[in-house]
């Protein structure tokens, strides 16, 4: 039996994350992000502090050729030979731009061996070509490291659900081989209402009247009751909305952008009112305030004002919390505060009906239904199981609008564990991070306010103190959330700690990595200079690269095309 400390993190670009890890680890006039040795030393320091056995990275944004050619700079063999890495990359097939997506799993060699790995575990070319999943087999268990497609505003929703169905079948196939299965990664899905900030999830405004009696605060109860009374007239005003062109400007550069907003008539004064937010297209602007349902057809066409689409995105009377506040305030004069709406949302009365869990083999109607179905297959959502009473615990925020500093995010990153392994391996909950002063989730994601939002001067996210960048590794391993610095990624990491995981005695075959180690194609230079055993044949010298051809003139180039 052995301990398993698994950390999963969407890095939003491994090169960028490496540069930030290097920059913030070795500070001072001699520090640089250009030297390979500097990166390797800083990553080795970070790995030692993190104290993980398996690290799953998503959105690495690399091609297999880049991993092969820049292996040392990318720390593909991190900290010497202490770690092995396994990759799935998008090489530009199936119409996607090369370098999108990408996942990588780093395994500490002394912790768990890898007897098999695959960068194409789904078994379907169209799905595997996007480089969204890599499998590592550790003998007694396998890890699926996944970066699930997003719905792209409905355009790729059918593809996403097909991808998820195929992943579920692949997981079941590993179980049939006698393996325990773990799924780690960015699943692009907030499975429960509490996993998304109330301002950014759908709320059923027709249930405001039912929510009011459940609120104990007298002022909030009164405001929610007023909002419930105003809603029917506001809904009618939104049904007659129009979309108008507008422009926004960068306050620093003065650059203007063409946008669109909804306009509706005030229910009491009759004045025309423009509503936020400003969107990049007319359809996005209109859909933000659609009150009669939003659906998506199988071909990605968005259907407004109806629930007849193949997939229901938002039901009747449902708006995001931010749009609901905007509409009530500007169209009826009911100035509903965010605090009061949050109290109403916390009652659960405003939650739209949930899709039923998808049975195995059936086509899911939503990613939430798929994930709930997967959990019914005998899997455990590790964070939810050990921290069911958590509040506002998110893993991703919109960096462009500084949402992390108000903790307006979503939990879309998970570690899902086979229930049989979960029960036998003594999982450790630990305590969720509350910042240095023992506060709440906001204190954790801002480090008690030490992490400051980006300013409007174009200088980017503000730096913290040197000790702020190591705080996330100072806490002992646990099952929960690892609040990595905001300059490193728009996601933070999630973690799992099991204390009694069976270790395999199976030896890895020579080609265990399969196609998941592009960097292994390049022989190490040390292998050419290592001492050979007496009587052994001399090591084969590396083949020198071909001489560069001189560039042809444009006349010579076209003259050769015959």
Protein backbone atom coordinates (compact mmCIF):
# COMPACT_ATOMS: atom_id res chain seq x y z
CA UNK A 1 0.00 0.00 0.00
CA UNK A 2 1.15 3.52 -0.75
CA UNK A 3 0.02 7.12 -0.42
CA UNK A 4 -1.41 8.81 -3.52
CA UNK A 5 -1.35 12.60 -3.65
CA UNK A 6 -2.77 13.65 -7.01
CA UNK A 7 -2.94 17.28 -8.14
CA UNK A 8 -4.89 18.39 -11.23
CA UNK A 9 -4.47 21.86 -12.73
CA UNK A 10 -5.51 23.67 -15.90
CA UNK A 11 -2.38 25.70 -16.63
CA UNK A 12 -3.84 27.74 -19.53
CA UNK A 13 -0.57 27.26 -21.45
CA UNK A 14 2.35 25.27 -20.02
CA UNK A 15 5.03 27.56 -21.48
CA UNK A 16 3.43 30.60 -19.84
CA UNK A 17 2.96 28.77 -16.55
CA UNK A 18 6.60 27.65 -16.61
CA UNK A 19 7.76 31.20 -17.21
CA UNK A 20 5.67 32.43 -14.29
CA UNK A 21 6.85 29.64 -11.98
CA UNK A 22 10.42 30.53 -12.90
CA UNK A 23 9.95 34.29 -12.62
CA UNK A 24 8.26 34.16 -9.23
CA UNK A 25 10.49 31.46 -7.75
CA UNK A 26 13.88 32.99 -8.58
CA UNK A 27 13.50 36.72 -8.18
CA UNK A 28 16.27 39.28 -8.45
CA UNK A 29 18.58 40.78 -11.08
CA UNK A 30 20.08 37.41 -12.05
CA UNK A 31 16.74 35.67 -12.55
CA UNK A 32 15.58 34.94 -16.09
CA UNK A 33 12.89 32.88 -17.75
CA UNK A 34 15.06 32.25 -20.80
CA UNK A 35 17.61 29.79 -19.45
CA UNK A 36 16.59 26.15 -19.54
CA UNK A 37 18.61 25.38 -16.42
CA UNK A 38 16.81 28.12 -14.53
CA UNK A 39 13.41 26.71 -15.47
CA UNK A 40 14.39 23.19 -14.53
CA UNK A 41 15.72 24.30 -11.14
CA UNK A 42 12.59 26.32 -10.37
CA UNK A 43 10.23 23.54 -11.43
CA UNK A 44 12.21 21.07 -9.32
CA UNK A 45 11.80 23.39 -6.33
CA UNK A 46 8.06 23.74 -6.97
CA UNK A 47 7.57 19.98 -7.35
CA UNK A 48 9.41 19.32 -4.11
CA UNK A 49 7.23 21.82 -2.26
CA UNK A 50 4.03 20.53 -3.84
CA UNK A 51 4.81 17.00 -2.63
CA UNK A 52 2.60 15.31 -5.23
CA UNK A 53 2.88 11.80 -6.70
CA UNK A 54 0.88 12.42 -9.90
CA UNK A 55 0.22 15.82 -11.50
CA UNK A 56 -2.38 16.16 -14.25
CA UNK A 57 -2.10 19.31 -16.39
CA UNK A 58 -4.72 20.52 -18.83
CA UNK A 59 -4.65 23.07 -21.65
CA UNK A 60 -0.90 22.73 -22.15
CA UNK A 61 -1.25 24.29 -25.64
CA UNK A 62 1.61 22.37 -27.26
CA UNK A 63 2.04 20.17 -30.31
CA UNK A 64 3.83 16.84 -30.07
CA UNK A 65 6.62 18.28 -32.24
CA UNK A 66 7.14 21.10 -29.74
CA UNK A 67 7.29 18.62 -26.86
CA UNK A 68 9.80 16.55 -28.83
CA UNK A 69 12.03 19.46 -29.81
CA UNK A 70 11.80 21.52 -26.59
CA UNK A 71 11.68 18.70 -24.06
CA UNK A 72 14.23 20.22 -21.68
CA UNK A 73 12.75 23.71 -21.83
CA UNK A 74 9.30 22.24 -21.17
CA UNK A 75 10.65 20.13 -18.27
CA UNK A 76 9.22 17.00 -19.89
CA UNK A 77 11.68 15.00 -17.77
CA UNK A 78 11.25 17.14 -14.70
CA UNK A 79 13.88 17.24 -11.98
CA UNK A 80 16.32 14.94 -13.73
CA UNK A 81 14.91 11.43 -13.83
CA UNK A 82 12.64 11.79 -10.80
CA UNK A 83 9.56 12.37 -12.94
CA UNK A 84 8.17 10.96 -16.18
CA UNK A 85 5.63 12.79 -18.31
CA UNK A 86 2.95 11.58 -20.73
CA UNK A 87 1.28 13.84 -23.27
CA UNK A 88 -1.67 14.13 -25.61
CA UNK A 89 -1.35 16.99 -28.09
CA UNK A 90 -3.39 18.63 -30.81
CA UNK A 91 -1.30 18.55 -33.99
CA UNK A 92 -3.80 20.44 -36.10
CA UNK A 93 -5.93 17.58 -37.36
CA UNK A 94 -9.70 17.56 -37.80
CA UNK A 95 -9.73 21.26 -38.70
CA UNK A 96 -8.51 22.60 -35.34
CA UNK A 97 -5.51 24.87 -35.09
CA UNK A 98 -2.39 23.03 -33.99
CA UNK A 99 -1.42 23.59 -30.38
CA UNK A 100 -4.89 24.06 -28.93
CA UNK A 101 -5.97 22.01 -25.90
CA UNK A 102 -3.40 19.45 -24.80
CA UNK A 103 -2.94 17.49 -21.56
CA UNK A 104 0.09 16.09 -19.73
CA UNK A 105 0.45 13.76 -16.75
CA UNK A 106 3.62 13.88 -14.65
CA UNK A 107 4.35 10.81 -12.50
CA UNK A 108 6.94 10.66 -9.74
CA UNK A 109 8.91 7.55 -10.65
CA UNK A 110 9.49 6.31 -7.12
CA UNK A 111 5.79 6.58 -6.29
CA UNK A 112 4.01 4.67 -9.06
CA UNK A 113 5.19 2.91 -12.17
CA UNK A 114 3.44 3.36 -15.50
CA UNK A 115 2.81 0.03 -17.21
CA UNK A 116 0.83 1.52 -20.09
CA UNK A 117 0.04 4.96 -21.45
CA UNK A 118 -2.01 6.21 -24.36
CA UNK A 119 -2.58 9.62 -25.92
CA UNK A 120 -5.59 8.20 -27.78
CA UNK A 121 -7.63 6.48 -25.06
CA UNK A 122 -11.06 7.27 -26.51
CA UNK A 123 -10.58 5.06 -29.56
CA UNK A 124 -12.17 7.49 -32.03
CA UNK A 125 -9.90 9.46 -34.37
CA UNK A 126 -12.02 12.60 -34.49
CA UNK A 127 -12.16 12.80 -30.70
CA UNK A 128 -8.59 11.76 -29.92
CA UNK A 129 -7.05 14.10 -32.51
CA UNK A 130 -7.94 17.15 -30.41
CA UNK A 131 -5.45 16.06 -27.71
CA UNK A 132 -7.86 16.28 -24.82
CA UNK A 133 -7.19 13.07 -22.89
CA UNK A 134 -4.21 10.97 -21.86
CA UNK A 135 -4.39 7.68 -19.95
CA UNK A 136 -1.75 6.33 -17.60
CA UNK A 137 -2.04 2.77 -16.27
CA UNK A 138 -0.42 2.21 -12.87
CA UNK A 139 -1.20 -1.50 -12.60
CA UNK A 140 -3.94 -1.46 -9.98
CA UNK A 141 -5.55 1.77 -11.20
CA UNK A 142 -5.66 4.02 -14.25
CA UNK A 143 -5.87 7.81 -14.47
CA UNK A 144 -7.79 9.57 -17.23
CA UNK A 145 -6.46 13.14 -17.46
CA UNK A 146 -9.11 15.06 -19.40
CA UNK A 147 -9.73 18.53 -20.79
CA UNK A 148 -13.38 18.35 -21.85
CA UNK A 149 -14.53 20.51 -24.80
CA UNK A 150 -16.69 23.51 -24.02
CA UNK A 151 -19.97 24.07 -25.78
CA UNK A 152 -18.77 27.19 -27.65
CA UNK A 153 -22.08 28.94 -27.09
CA UNK A 154 -23.94 25.90 -28.39
CA UNK A 155 -21.94 25.41 -31.59
CA UNK A 156 -20.02 22.41 -30.22
CA UNK A 157 -22.49 21.20 -27.60
CA UNK A 158 -23.38 18.05 -29.56
CA UNK A 159 -19.67 17.31 -30.03
CA UNK A 160 -19.01 17.85 -26.33
CA UNK A 161 -21.74 15.43 -25.27
CA UNK A 162 -20.53 12.83 -27.77
CA UNK A 163 -17.01 13.24 -26.39
CA UNK A 164 -18.27 12.72 -22.84
CA UNK A 165 -20.24 9.60 -23.80
CA UNK A 166 -17.15 8.11 -25.41
CA UNK A 167 -15.05 8.91 -22.34
CA UNK A 168 -17.58 7.15 -20.13
CA UNK A 169 -17.39 4.02 -22.27
CA UNK A 170 -13.57 4.11 -22.15
CA UNK A 171 -13.69 4.33 -18.36
CA UNK A 172 -16.08 1.38 -18.20
CA UNK A 173 -13.77 -0.65 -20.44
CA UNK A 174 -10.88 -0.13 -18.00
CA UNK A 175 -13.09 -1.28 -15.15
CA UNK A 176 -13.86 -4.44 -17.04
CA UNK A 177 -10.12 -5.14 -17.09
CA UNK A 178 -10.14 -5.10 -13.28
CA UNK A 179 -8.70 -1.61 -12.94
CA UNK A 180 -9.81 1.08 -10.51
CA UNK A 181 -10.49 4.26 -12.48
CA UNK A 182 -9.74 7.89 -11.62
CA UNK A 183 -10.80 10.85 -13.73
CA UNK A 184 -8.99 14.15 -13.16
CA UNK A 185 -9.18 17.37 -15.07
CA UNK A 186 -11.15 20.32 -16.35
CA UNK A 187 -14.57 18.86 -17.12
CA UNK A 188 -16.07 22.21 -18.24
CA UNK A 189 -19.13 21.47 -16.14
CA UNK A 190 -20.46 22.81 -12.84
CA UNK A 191 -22.47 19.81 -11.68
CA UNK A 192 -24.51 21.48 -8.91
CA UNK A 193 -25.93 25.00 -8.49
CA UNK A 194 -23.52 25.73 -5.62
CA UNK A 195 -20.61 25.04 -7.99
CA UNK A 196 -21.26 28.28 -9.88
CA UNK A 197 -21.53 31.81 -8.54
CA UNK A 198 -25.20 32.84 -8.34
CA UNK A 199 -24.50 35.87 -10.56
CA UNK A 200 -23.44 33.64 -13.46
CA UNK A 201 -25.85 30.71 -13.22
CA UNK A 202 -29.46 30.50 -14.32
CA UNK A 203 -32.07 31.53 -11.71
CA UNK A 204 -35.79 30.94 -12.14
CA UNK A 205 -37.34 34.36 -11.53
CA UNK A 206 -40.86 32.90 -11.43
CA UNK A 207 -39.91 31.33 -8.08
CA UNK A 208 -38.97 34.59 -6.33
CA UNK A 209 -42.32 34.52 -4.52
CA UNK A 210 -41.53 31.05 -3.14
CA UNK A 211 -38.05 32.14 -2.03
CA UNK A 212 -39.15 35.19 -0.01
CA UNK A 213 -40.69 33.30 2.97
CA UNK A 214 -37.52 31.20 3.29
CA UNK A 215 -35.33 34.25 4.01
CA UNK A 216 -34.89 35.31 7.63
CA UNK A 217 -33.37 38.75 7.01
CA UNK A 218 -36.31 41.19 7.06
CA UNK A 219 -34.88 43.69 4.55
CA UNK A 220 -33.87 40.96 2.10
CA UNK A 221 -37.26 39.26 2.43
CA UNK A 222 -39.02 42.54 1.61
CA UNK A 223 -36.84 43.22 -1.43
CA UNK A 224 -37.28 39.71 -2.81
CA UNK A 225 -41.06 40.02 -2.37
CA UNK A 226 -40.99 43.33 -4.33
CA UNK A 227 -38.92 41.67 -7.05
CA UNK A 228 -41.43 38.81 -7.27
CA UNK A 229 -44.28 41.28 -7.72
CA UNK A 230 -42.38 43.21 -10.41
CA UNK A 231 -41.21 40.16 -12.40
CA UNK A 232 -44.31 39.56 -14.64
CA UNK A 233 -44.14 43.12 -16.02
CA UNK A 234 -40.35 42.94 -16.41
CA UNK A 235 -40.71 39.64 -18.27
CA UNK A 236 -43.17 41.22 -20.71
CA UNK A 237 -40.79 44.14 -21.27
CA UNK A 238 -37.96 41.72 -22.05
CA UNK A 239 -40.16 39.82 -24.52
CA UNK A 240 -40.38 43.06 -26.50
CA UNK A 241 -36.68 43.89 -26.28
CA UNK A 242 -34.64 45.06 -29.24
CA UNK A 243 -30.91 44.82 -29.89
CA UNK A 244 -28.97 48.00 -30.68
CA UNK A 245 -25.42 48.62 -31.76
CA UNK A 246 -23.12 50.39 -29.33
CA UNK A 247 -19.42 50.94 -28.79
CA UNK A 248 -17.10 50.52 -25.87
CA UNK A 249 -13.67 52.08 -25.41
CA UNK A 250 -10.39 51.11 -23.80
CA UNK A 251 -9.88 53.75 -21.12
CA UNK A 252 -6.09 53.56 -21.51
CA UNK A 253 -5.63 53.53 -25.27
CA UNK A 254 -8.91 55.06 -26.41
CA UNK A 255 -9.46 52.17 -28.83
CA UNK A 256 -13.15 51.60 -29.55
CA UNK A 257 -14.98 48.32 -30.10
CA UNK A 258 -18.29 47.62 -31.81
CA UNK A 259 -20.71 45.83 -29.48
CA UNK A 260 -24.43 45.14 -29.04
CA UNK A 261 -26.82 45.65 -26.14
CA UNK A 262 -30.44 44.87 -25.42
CA UNK A 263 -32.88 47.75 -25.12
CA UNK A 264 -36.27 47.48 -23.36
CA UNK A 265 -39.02 49.78 -22.13
CA UNK A 266 -39.25 50.70 -18.44
CA UNK A 267 -42.41 49.19 -16.95
CA UNK A 268 -43.44 52.42 -15.18
CA UNK A 269 -41.94 55.41 -17.00
CA UNK A 270 -42.08 54.12 -20.57
CA UNK A 271 -38.47 55.20 -21.17
CA UNK A 272 -36.15 53.14 -23.36
CA UNK A 273 -33.41 51.58 -21.27
CA UNK A 274 -30.17 49.92 -22.37
CA UNK A 275 -29.14 46.81 -20.52
CA UNK A 276 -25.71 45.38 -19.78
CA UNK A 277 -23.61 43.52 -20.74
CA UNK A 278 -22.38 44.64 -24.14
CA UNK A 279 -21.80 41.58 -26.30
CA UNK A 280 -19.81 40.89 -29.45
CA UNK A 281 -22.84 39.77 -31.50
CA UNK A 282 -26.56 40.51 -31.76
CA UNK A 283 -27.47 36.90 -30.98
CA UNK A 284 -25.38 36.83 -27.78
CA UNK A 285 -26.92 40.11 -26.62
CA UNK A 286 -30.44 38.91 -27.31
CA UNK A 287 -29.95 35.50 -25.71
CA UNK A 288 -28.76 37.11 -22.46
CA UNK A 289 -32.28 38.39 -21.83
CA UNK A 290 -34.35 35.63 -23.42
CA UNK A 291 -37.11 34.73 -20.93
CA UNK A 292 -38.94 31.99 -22.84
CA UNK A 293 -36.14 29.46 -23.07
CA UNK A 294 -32.93 28.94 -25.02
CA UNK A 295 -32.25 25.72 -26.87
CA UNK A 296 -29.60 24.35 -29.20
CA UNK A 297 -30.13 22.07 -32.18
CA UNK A 298 -27.82 19.16 -33.00
CA UNK A 299 -26.09 21.27 -35.66
CA UNK A 300 -25.29 23.99 -33.12
CA UNK A 301 -28.04 26.42 -34.13
CA UNK A 302 -29.26 28.41 -31.12
CA UNK A 303 -33.04 28.61 -30.78
CA UNK A 304 -34.35 31.60 -28.80
CA UNK A 305 -37.77 31.86 -27.22
CA UNK A 306 -38.44 28.14 -27.28
CA UNK A 307 -37.65 24.93 -25.44
CA UNK A 308 -37.93 22.84 -28.57
CA UNK A 309 -34.18 22.64 -29.33
CA UNK A 310 -32.44 19.27 -29.16
CA UNK A 311 -30.68 20.50 -26.01
CA UNK A 312 -32.19 22.87 -23.46
CA UNK A 313 -29.64 25.46 -22.38
CA UNK A 314 -31.88 27.66 -20.25
CA UNK A 315 -35.53 27.19 -19.33
CA UNK A 316 -38.41 29.70 -19.27
CA UNK A 317 -38.17 32.56 -16.75
CA UNK A 318 -34.46 31.86 -16.26
CA UNK A 319 -31.78 34.53 -16.39
CA UNK A 320 -28.33 34.67 -14.89
CA UNK A 321 -28.26 36.38 -11.52
CA UNK A 322 -26.44 39.42 -12.92
CA UNK A 323 -28.95 39.87 -15.78
CA UNK A 324 -31.88 39.36 -13.42
CA UNK A 325 -30.62 42.12 -11.12
CA UNK A 326 -29.98 44.40 -14.09
CA UNK A 327 -33.47 43.88 -15.52
CA UNK A 328 -35.31 44.32 -12.22
CA UNK A 329 -33.35 47.45 -11.30
CA UNK A 330 -33.47 49.21 -14.66
CA UNK A 331 -36.93 48.16 -15.85
CA UNK A 332 -38.95 48.30 -12.63
CA UNK A 333 -36.96 50.34 -10.13
CA UNK A 334 -36.58 47.42 -7.70
CA UNK A 335 -32.95 47.94 -6.68
CA UNK A 336 -32.17 44.36 -5.73
CA UNK A 337 -28.70 44.12 -4.17
CA UNK A 338 -26.33 41.26 -4.89
CA UNK A 339 -26.40 40.32 -1.19
CA UNK A 340 -30.18 40.01 -1.16
CA UNK A 341 -30.28 38.00 -4.37
CA UNK A 342 -27.57 35.72 -3.00
CA UNK A 343 -29.73 35.02 0.06
CA UNK A 344 -32.65 34.13 -2.19
CA UNK A 345 -30.45 31.90 -4.37
CA UNK A 346 -29.07 30.14 -1.29
CA UNK A 347 -32.56 28.88 -0.40
CA UNK A 348 -32.53 26.65 -3.49
CA UNK A 349 -35.98 27.91 -4.51
CA UNK A 350 -34.61 29.67 -7.61
CA UNK A 351 -32.77 26.62 -8.95
CA UNK A 352 -34.22 25.42 -12.27
CA UNK A 353 -35.18 21.73 -12.49
CA UNK A 354 -32.13 19.51 -12.97
CA UNK A 355 -31.77 17.10 -15.87
CA UNK A 356 -32.09 13.47 -14.85
CA UNK A 357 -28.80 11.52 -14.59
CA UNK A 358 -27.90 9.94 -17.92
CA UNK A 359 -28.06 6.17 -17.92
CA UNK A 360 -25.01 4.33 -19.24
CA UNK A 361 -25.24 3.99 -23.01
CA UNK A 362 -27.85 6.73 -23.36
CA UNK A 363 -27.18 10.06 -25.05
CA UNK A 364 -26.79 12.84 -22.45
CA UNK A 365 -28.89 15.99 -22.75
CA UNK A 366 -26.37 18.08 -20.79
CA UNK A 367 -22.92 17.76 -19.28
CA UNK A 368 -24.49 17.99 -15.81
CA UNK A 369 -26.75 15.03 -16.59
CA UNK A 370 -23.71 13.12 -17.87
CA UNK A 371 -21.68 13.78 -14.73
CA UNK A 372 -24.53 12.87 -12.42
CA UNK A 373 -24.94 9.66 -14.42
CA UNK A 374 -21.23 8.91 -14.10
CA UNK A 375 -21.42 9.30 -10.33
CA UNK A 376 -24.30 6.79 -10.31
CA UNK A 377 -21.99 4.32 -12.07
CA UNK A 378 -20.10 4.04 -8.79
CA UNK A 379 -17.78 7.03 -8.81
CA UNK A 380 -17.17 9.65 -6.14
CA UNK A 381 -16.73 13.40 -6.54
CA UNK A 382 -13.86 13.66 -4.05
CA UNK A 383 -14.31 17.32 -3.07
CA UNK A 384 -18.07 17.02 -2.66
CA UNK A 385 -17.78 13.81 -0.64
CA UNK A 386 -15.37 15.27 1.93
CA UNK A 387 -16.49 18.91 1.94
CA UNK A 388 -20.27 18.81 1.33
CA UNK A 389 -20.95 22.00 3.34
CA UNK A 390 -18.50 24.15 1.40
CA UNK A 391 -19.60 27.59 0.21
CA UNK A 392 -18.33 29.53 -2.81
CA UNK A 393 -15.51 27.10 -3.55
CA UNK A 394 -14.62 27.68 -7.19
CA UNK A 395 -11.68 26.67 -9.38
CA UNK A 396 -11.92 29.06 -12.35
CA UNK A 397 -12.62 32.76 -12.79
CA UNK A 398 -12.75 35.19 -15.71
CA UNK A 399 -9.35 36.90 -15.53
CA UNK A 400 -10.25 39.56 -18.11
CA UNK A 401 -12.92 40.98 -15.80
CA UNK A 402 -11.01 40.39 -12.53
CA UNK A 403 -13.67 38.01 -11.19
CA UNK A 404 -11.27 36.11 -8.93
CA UNK A 405 -10.94 39.12 -6.63
CA UNK A 406 -14.70 39.05 -5.94
CA UNK A 407 -14.77 35.24 -6.00
CA UNK A 408 -17.32 35.10 -8.82
CA UNK A 409 -16.33 31.83 -10.45
CA UNK A 410 -17.22 28.21 -11.12
CA UNK A 411 -16.03 24.80 -9.98
CA UNK A 412 -15.31 22.94 -13.20
CA UNK A 413 -12.16 21.04 -12.16
CA UNK A 414 -12.56 17.63 -10.49
CA UNK A 415 -10.91 14.49 -9.24
CA UNK A 416 -13.43 11.65 -9.63
CA UNK A 417 -12.54 8.36 -7.90
CA UNK A 418 -13.75 4.81 -8.34
CA UNK A 419 -16.00 4.14 -5.34
CA UNK A 420 -14.37 0.79 -4.55
CA UNK A 421 -10.94 2.43 -4.36
CA UNK A 422 -12.36 5.34 -2.40
CA UNK A 423 -13.78 3.08 0.31
CA UNK A 424 -10.62 1.05 0.72
CA UNK A 425 -7.95 3.74 0.50
CA UNK A 426 -8.69 5.99 3.49
CA UNK A 427 -9.15 9.40 1.82
CA UNK A 428 -7.93 12.44 3.77
CA UNK A 429 -10.09 15.55 3.78
CA UNK A 430 -7.82 18.00 5.52
CA UNK A 431 -9.18 21.52 5.77
CA UNK A 432 -10.08 23.85 2.93
CA UNK A 433 -7.82 26.86 2.59
CA UNK A 434 -9.15 29.96 4.33
CA UNK A 435 -6.17 32.23 3.81
CA UNK A 436 -3.51 33.14 6.31
CA UNK A 437 -6.01 34.55 8.81
CA UNK A 438 -8.59 31.76 8.77
CA UNK A 439 -11.29 33.58 6.82
CA UNK A 440 -13.50 32.26 4.01
CA UNK A 441 -13.33 31.27 0.36
CA UNK A 442 -12.77 34.86 -0.77
CA UNK A 443 -9.80 35.13 1.56
CA UNK A 444 -8.43 31.88 0.13
CA UNK A 445 -8.59 32.91 -3.52
CA UNK A 446 -7.21 36.42 -2.85
CA UNK A 447 -4.82 35.39 -0.04
CA UNK A 448 -6.47 37.81 2.40
CA UNK A 449 -6.45 40.54 -0.25
CA UNK A 450 -2.76 40.21 -1.08
CA UNK A 451 -3.62 39.24 -4.64
CA UNK A 452 -4.83 42.44 -6.29
CA UNK A 453 -6.81 42.80 -9.55
CA UNK A 454 -5.25 44.03 -12.75
CA UNK A 455 -5.39 47.76 -13.22
CA UNK A 456 -6.65 49.63 -16.27
CA UNK A 457 -3.20 50.82 -17.27
CA UNK A 458 -2.37 47.68 -19.25
CA UNK A 459 0.26 46.49 -16.79
CA UNK A 460 -1.50 43.16 -16.13
CA UNK A 461 -2.07 41.34 -12.86
CA UNK A 462 -0.13 42.85 -9.99
CA UNK A 463 2.68 40.90 -8.40
CA UNK A 464 2.49 39.64 -4.85
CA UNK A 465 5.24 39.27 -2.30
CA UNK A 466 7.82 36.50 -2.63
CA UNK A 467 6.21 34.44 0.14
CA UNK A 468 2.78 34.72 -1.50
CA UNK A 469 3.93 32.54 -4.40
CA UNK A 470 4.91 29.69 -2.10
CA UNK A 471 1.89 29.84 0.20
CA UNK A 472 -0.12 27.29 -1.82
CA UNK A 473 2.62 24.68 -1.29
CA UNK A 474 2.98 25.40 2.42
CA UNK A 475 -0.24 23.62 3.32
CA UNK A 476 -0.05 19.82 3.86
CA UNK A 477 -1.42 17.47 1.20
CA UNK A 478 -5.20 17.03 1.39
CA UNK A 479 -8.30 16.51 -0.70
CA UNK A 480 -9.51 19.92 -1.78
CA UNK A 481 -8.38 23.01 -3.66
CA UNK A 482 -4.82 24.31 -4.09
CA UNK A 483 -5.03 28.06 -4.62
CA UNK A 484 -2.20 28.65 -7.09
CA UNK A 485 -1.22 32.30 -7.79
CA UNK A 486 -3.43 34.23 -10.24
CA UNK A 487 -0.49 35.16 -12.51
CA UNK A 488 0.08 31.47 -13.18
CA UNK A 489 -3.36 30.60 -14.61
CA UNK A 490 -7.05 31.52 -14.51
CA UNK A 491 -7.64 28.15 -12.81
CA UNK A 492 -6.45 26.90 -9.46
CA UNK A 493 -5.55 23.26 -8.83
CA UNK A 494 -7.62 20.54 -7.19
CA UNK A 495 -6.12 17.74 -5.12
CA UNK A 496 -6.78 14.22 -3.85
CA UNK A 497 -5.06 12.43 -0.97
CA UNK A 498 -5.51 8.67 -0.50
CA UNK A 499 -3.40 6.88 2.11
CA UNK A 500 -3.82 3.18 1.24
CA UNK A 501 -3.56 2.63 -2.51
CA UNK A 502 -2.46 -0.82 -3.70
CA UNK A 503 0.85 -0.74 -5.56
CA UNK A 504 1.39 -2.91 -8.61
CA UNK A 505 4.36 -5.23 -8.90
CA UNK A 506 3.86 -5.44 -12.66
CA UNK A 507 6.93 -4.38 -14.61
CA UNK A 508 6.54 -1.83 -17.34
CA UNK A 509 7.27 -3.16 -20.83
CA UNK A 510 9.79 -1.31 -22.99
CA UNK A 511 7.12 0.46 -25.01
CA UNK A 512 4.75 1.15 -22.12
CA UNK A 513 4.49 4.84 -22.98
CA UNK A 514 3.15 4.12 -26.46
CA UNK A 515 2.71 7.40 -28.33
CA UNK A 516 2.34 9.46 -25.14
CA UNK A 517 6.01 10.47 -24.88
CA UNK A 518 6.97 12.53 -27.95
CA UNK A 519 10.14 13.66 -26.16
CA UNK A 520 11.35 10.05 -25.83
CA UNK A 521 12.01 9.99 -29.59
CA UNK A 522 15.09 12.10 -28.99
CA UNK A 523 17.98 10.08 -27.54
CA UNK A 524 19.69 11.75 -24.59
CA UNK A 525 23.14 13.03 -25.31
CA UNK A 526 24.44 11.26 -22.18
CA UNK A 527 23.61 7.92 -23.78
CA UNK A 528 26.22 8.60 -26.46
CA UNK A 529 29.01 9.30 -24.00
CA UNK A 530 28.21 6.78 -21.25
CA UNK A 531 30.88 4.14 -20.61
CA UNK A 532 30.07 0.85 -22.31
CA UNK A 533 30.53 -2.63 -20.86
CA UNK A 534 33.65 -4.62 -21.87
CA UNK A 535 33.14 -6.32 -25.23
CA UNK A 536 30.02 -4.27 -26.06
CA UNK A 537 29.68 -2.73 -29.49
CA UNK A 538 30.43 0.99 -29.71
CA UNK A 539 27.44 3.25 -29.27
CA UNK A 540 25.95 4.41 -32.51
CA UNK A 541 26.75 8.02 -33.19
CA UNK A 542 23.85 10.36 -33.78
CA UNK A 543 23.16 11.18 -37.40
CA UNK A 544 24.13 14.79 -38.09
CA UNK A 545 21.40 17.04 -39.44
CA UNK A 546 21.40 17.62 -43.19
CA UNK A 547 23.24 20.68 -44.42
CA UNK A 548 21.06 23.72 -44.89
CA UNK A 549 20.19 24.44 -48.49
CA UNK A 550 20.81 27.90 -49.78
CA UNK A 551 17.65 29.90 -50.35
CA UNK A 552 16.53 30.20 -53.96
CA UNK A 553 15.78 33.48 -55.57
CA UNK A 554 12.15 34.00 -56.54
CA UNK A 555 13.13 33.55 -60.21
CA UNK A 556 14.84 30.23 -59.45
CA UNK A 557 11.84 29.09 -57.37
CA UNK A 558 9.29 29.62 -60.12
CA UNK A 559 11.71 28.36 -62.74
CA UNK A 560 11.83 24.98 -60.96
CA UNK A 561 8.00 24.67 -60.90
CA UNK A 562 7.32 22.80 -64.12
